[in-house]
Amino acid sequence: MEIIKIAFAVIFALAGLAGSILILVEAFKDEIWKGVLCLFCGLYMLYYMLFDFEHEHKWPMVRSHYLDLASPPE
């Protein structure tokens, strides 16, 4: 059972990392200063995701950013 928890944690962490990188790339494409703020300030990244981020798959990407915060099932 412990191996399954670790596997879920690794999968969620990788999905969160991928979502963060995709959002960071979009922020740099939008404006350089927005990308730098997203890189160094997590609160601005949250603001950018919720209010400035324009993408056809916005909400799945925002969810994937926060997947690593989800705990694996017990």
N, C-alpha and C. Protein backbone atom coordinates (compact mmCIF):
# COMPACT_ATOMS: atom_id res chain seq x y z
N MET A 1 0.82 -1.20 0.00
CA MET A 1 0.00 0.00 0.00
C MET A 1 0.87 1.26 0.00
N GLU A 2 2.01 1.19 0.67
CA GLU A 2 2.90 2.35 0.75
C GLU A 2 3.47 2.69 -0.62
N ILE A 3 3.71 1.69 -1.44
CA ILE A 3 4.25 1.93 -2.79
C ILE A 3 3.23 2.66 -3.65
N ILE A 4 1.97 2.34 -3.48
CA ILE A 4 0.92 3.01 -4.25
C ILE A 4 0.84 4.49 -3.86
N LYS A 5 0.96 4.77 -2.58
CA LYS A 5 0.95 6.17 -2.12
C LYS A 5 2.12 6.95 -2.70
N ILE A 6 3.28 6.32 -2.70
CA ILE A 6 4.47 6.98 -3.26
C ILE A 6 4.30 7.21 -4.76
N ALA A 7 3.73 6.23 -5.46
CA ALA A 7 3.51 6.37 -6.89
C ALA A 7 2.55 7.51 -7.19
N PHE A 8 1.47 7.61 -6.43
CA PHE A 8 0.53 8.71 -6.62
C PHE A 8 1.20 10.05 -6.32
N ALA A 9 1.99 10.11 -5.27
CA ALA A 9 2.67 11.35 -4.92
C ALA A 9 3.62 11.78 -6.04
N VAL A 10 4.34 10.84 -6.62
CA VAL A 10 5.26 11.17 -7.71
C VAL A 10 4.50 11.64 -8.94
N ILE A 11 3.40 10.97 -9.27
CA ILE A 11 2.59 11.37 -10.43
C ILE A 11 2.03 12.77 -10.24
N PHE A 12 1.48 13.04 -9.05
CA PHE A 12 0.92 14.37 -8.78
C PHE A 12 2.00 15.45 -8.79
N ALA A 13 3.17 15.13 -8.27
CA ALA A 13 4.27 16.10 -8.26
C ALA A 13 4.72 16.42 -9.68
N LEU A 14 4.81 15.42 -10.53
CA LEU A 14 5.21 15.66 -11.92
C LEU A 14 4.15 16.46 -12.68
N ALA A 15 2.87 16.16 -12.43
CA ALA A 15 1.80 16.93 -13.07
C ALA A 15 1.82 18.38 -12.60
N GLY A 16 2.07 18.60 -11.32
CA GLY A 16 2.16 19.96 -10.79
C GLY A 16 3.34 20.72 -11.37
N LEU A 17 4.46 20.04 -11.50
CA LEU A 17 5.64 20.66 -12.10
C LEU A 17 5.40 21.03 -13.55
N ALA A 18 4.76 20.13 -14.29
CA ALA A 18 4.46 20.41 -15.70
C ALA A 18 3.50 21.60 -15.83
N GLY A 19 2.48 21.64 -14.99
CA GLY A 19 1.55 22.77 -15.01
C GLY A 19 2.23 24.07 -14.68
N SER A 20 3.12 24.06 -13.71
CA SER A 20 3.84 25.27 -13.33
C SER A 20 4.73 25.76 -14.47
N ILE A 21 5.41 24.84 -15.12
CA ILE A 21 6.28 25.23 -16.23
C ILE A 21 5.48 25.80 -17.39
N LEU A 22 4.35 25.18 -17.72
CA LEU A 22 3.52 25.69 -18.81
C LEU A 22 2.99 27.09 -18.52
N ILE A 23 2.56 27.32 -17.29
CA ILE A 23 2.05 28.64 -16.92
C ILE A 23 3.18 29.66 -16.90
N LEU A 24 4.34 29.27 -16.44
CA LEU A 24 5.50 30.16 -16.43
C LEU A 24 5.91 30.55 -17.85
N VAL A 25 5.89 29.61 -18.76
CA VAL A 25 6.22 29.91 -20.16
C VAL A 25 5.20 30.88 -20.75
N GLU A 26 3.94 30.68 -20.46
CA GLU A 26 2.91 31.60 -20.96
C GLU A 26 3.07 32.99 -20.37
N ALA A 27 3.48 33.08 -19.11
CA ALA A 27 3.70 34.39 -18.49
C ALA A 27 4.86 35.11 -19.17
N PHE A 28 5.94 34.39 -19.49
CA PHE A 28 7.06 35.01 -20.19
C PHE A 28 6.66 35.41 -21.61
N LYS A 29 5.79 34.65 -22.27
CA LYS A 29 5.32 35.02 -23.61
C LYS A 29 4.49 36.29 -23.56
N ASP A 30 3.72 36.44 -22.48
CA ASP A 30 2.86 37.61 -22.34
C ASP A 30 3.70 38.87 -22.11
N GLU A 31 4.47 38.90 -21.07
CA GLU A 31 5.35 40.02 -20.72
C GLU A 31 6.54 39.47 -19.95
N ILE A 32 7.71 40.02 -20.18
CA ILE A 32 8.90 39.54 -19.48
C ILE A 32 8.78 39.76 -17.97
N TRP A 33 8.30 40.91 -17.56
CA TRP A 33 8.22 41.20 -16.13
C TRP A 33 7.21 40.29 -15.43
N LYS A 34 6.16 39.88 -16.14
CA LYS A 34 5.19 38.96 -15.55
C LYS A 34 5.83 37.59 -15.33
N GLY A 35 6.64 37.16 -16.28
CA GLY A 35 7.34 35.89 -16.13
C GLY A 35 8.33 35.91 -14.97
N VAL A 36 9.05 37.02 -14.82
CA VAL A 36 10.01 37.13 -13.73
C VAL A 36 9.28 37.14 -12.38
N LEU A 37 8.17 37.87 -12.31
CA LEU A 37 7.40 37.87 -11.06
C LEU A 37 6.84 36.50 -10.74
N CYS A 38 6.35 35.79 -11.76
CA CYS A 38 5.85 34.43 -11.54
C CYS A 38 6.96 33.50 -11.06
N LEU A 39 8.14 33.71 -11.58
CA LEU A 39 9.27 32.86 -11.22
C LEU A 39 9.69 33.06 -9.77
N PHE A 40 9.67 34.30 -9.30
CA PHE A 40 10.18 34.60 -7.97
C PHE A 40 9.11 34.82 -6.90
N CYS A 41 7.87 34.99 -7.29
CA CYS A 41 6.82 35.27 -6.32
C CYS A 41 5.61 34.36 -6.58
N GLY A 42 5.41 33.41 -5.68
CA GLY A 42 4.32 32.46 -5.84
C GLY A 42 2.94 33.09 -5.79
N LEU A 43 2.79 34.15 -5.00
CA LEU A 43 1.49 34.82 -4.92
C LEU A 43 1.14 35.50 -6.24
N TYR A 44 2.14 36.05 -6.92
CA TYR A 44 1.84 36.66 -8.22
C TYR A 44 1.49 35.57 -9.24
N MET A 45 2.10 34.41 -9.13
CA MET A 45 1.76 33.32 -10.04
C MET A 45 0.30 32.91 -9.85
N LEU A 46 -0.16 32.88 -8.61
CA LEU A 46 -1.57 32.59 -8.34
C LEU A 46 -2.45 33.67 -8.95
N TYR A 47 -2.10 34.93 -8.76
CA TYR A 47 -2.86 36.04 -9.35
C TYR A 47 -2.87 35.93 -10.88
N TYR A 48 -1.71 35.66 -11.46
CA TYR A 48 -1.61 35.55 -12.91
C TYR A 48 -2.48 34.42 -13.43
N MET A 49 -2.45 33.28 -12.75
CA MET A 49 -3.25 32.14 -13.20
C MET A 49 -4.74 32.45 -13.16
N LEU A 50 -5.18 33.13 -12.13
CA LEU A 50 -6.62 33.35 -11.97
C LEU A 50 -7.15 34.50 -12.81
N PHE A 51 -6.34 35.56 -13.03
CA PHE A 51 -6.89 36.77 -13.64
C PHE A 51 -6.26 37.15 -14.98
N ASP A 52 -4.99 36.85 -15.23
CA ASP A 52 -4.34 37.27 -16.46
C ASP A 52 -4.15 36.15 -17.47
N PHE A 53 -4.16 34.93 -17.02
CA PHE A 53 -3.85 33.79 -17.86
C PHE A 53 -4.98 33.55 -18.85
N GLU A 54 -4.68 33.67 -20.15
CA GLU A 54 -5.68 33.45 -21.20
C GLU A 54 -5.23 32.26 -22.03
N HIS A 55 -5.95 31.17 -21.92
CA HIS A 55 -5.62 29.96 -22.66
C HIS A 55 -6.91 29.17 -22.84
N GLU A 56 -6.99 28.41 -23.90
CA GLU A 56 -8.23 27.66 -24.13
C GLU A 56 -8.43 26.55 -23.11
N HIS A 57 -7.36 26.10 -22.48
CA HIS A 57 -7.44 25.06 -21.45
C HIS A 57 -6.97 25.63 -20.10
N LYS A 58 -7.52 26.78 -19.75
CA LYS A 58 -7.05 27.49 -18.55
C LYS A 58 -7.27 26.68 -17.27
N TRP A 59 -8.47 26.23 -17.02
CA TRP A 59 -8.77 25.61 -15.73
C TRP A 59 -8.12 24.25 -15.56
N PRO A 60 -8.03 23.40 -16.58
CA PRO A 60 -7.25 22.17 -16.37
C PRO A 60 -5.78 22.43 -16.07
N MET A 61 -5.21 23.48 -16.68
CA MET A 61 -3.81 23.80 -16.41
C MET A 61 -3.64 24.36 -15.00
N VAL A 62 -4.59 25.15 -14.54
CA VAL A 62 -4.52 25.68 -13.17
C VAL A 62 -4.65 24.52 -12.18
N ARG A 63 -5.56 23.59 -12.45
CA ARG A 63 -5.70 22.43 -11.58
C ARG A 63 -4.43 21.59 -11.57
N SER A 64 -3.79 21.43 -12.73
CA SER A 64 -2.57 20.62 -12.76
C SER A 64 -1.45 21.29 -11.99
N HIS A 65 -1.47 22.62 -11.91
CA HIS A 65 -0.46 23.32 -11.12
C HIS A 65 -0.60 22.97 -9.64
N TYR A 66 -1.82 22.79 -9.20
CA TYR A 66 -2.05 22.51 -7.78
C TYR A 66 -2.25 21.04 -7.48
N LEU A 67 -2.03 20.15 -8.44
CA LEU A 67 -2.16 18.73 -8.18
C LEU A 67 -1.14 18.24 -7.16
N ASP A 68 0.03 18.83 -7.15
CA ASP A 68 1.04 18.37 -6.21
C ASP A 68 0.67 18.71 -4.76
N LEU A 69 -0.33 19.56 -4.57
CA LEU A 69 -0.79 19.87 -3.22
C LEU A 69 -1.79 18.83 -2.73
N ALA A 70 -2.35 18.05 -3.65
CA ALA A 70 -3.33 17.04 -3.28
C ALA A 70 -2.62 15.87 -2.62
N SER A 71 -3.22 15.37 -1.60
CA SER A 71 -2.61 14.21 -0.92
C SER A 71 -3.09 12.93 -1.59
N PRO A 72 -2.23 11.94 -1.65
CA PRO A 72 -2.64 10.67 -2.24
C PRO A 72 -3.69 9.98 -1.37
N PRO A 73 -4.51 9.13 -1.96
CA PRO A 73 -5.55 8.46 -1.17
C PRO A 73 -4.94 7.52 -0.12
N GLU A 74 -5.65 7.38 0.97
CA GLU A 74 -5.14 6.51 2.03
C GLU A 74 -5.81 5.17 2.02
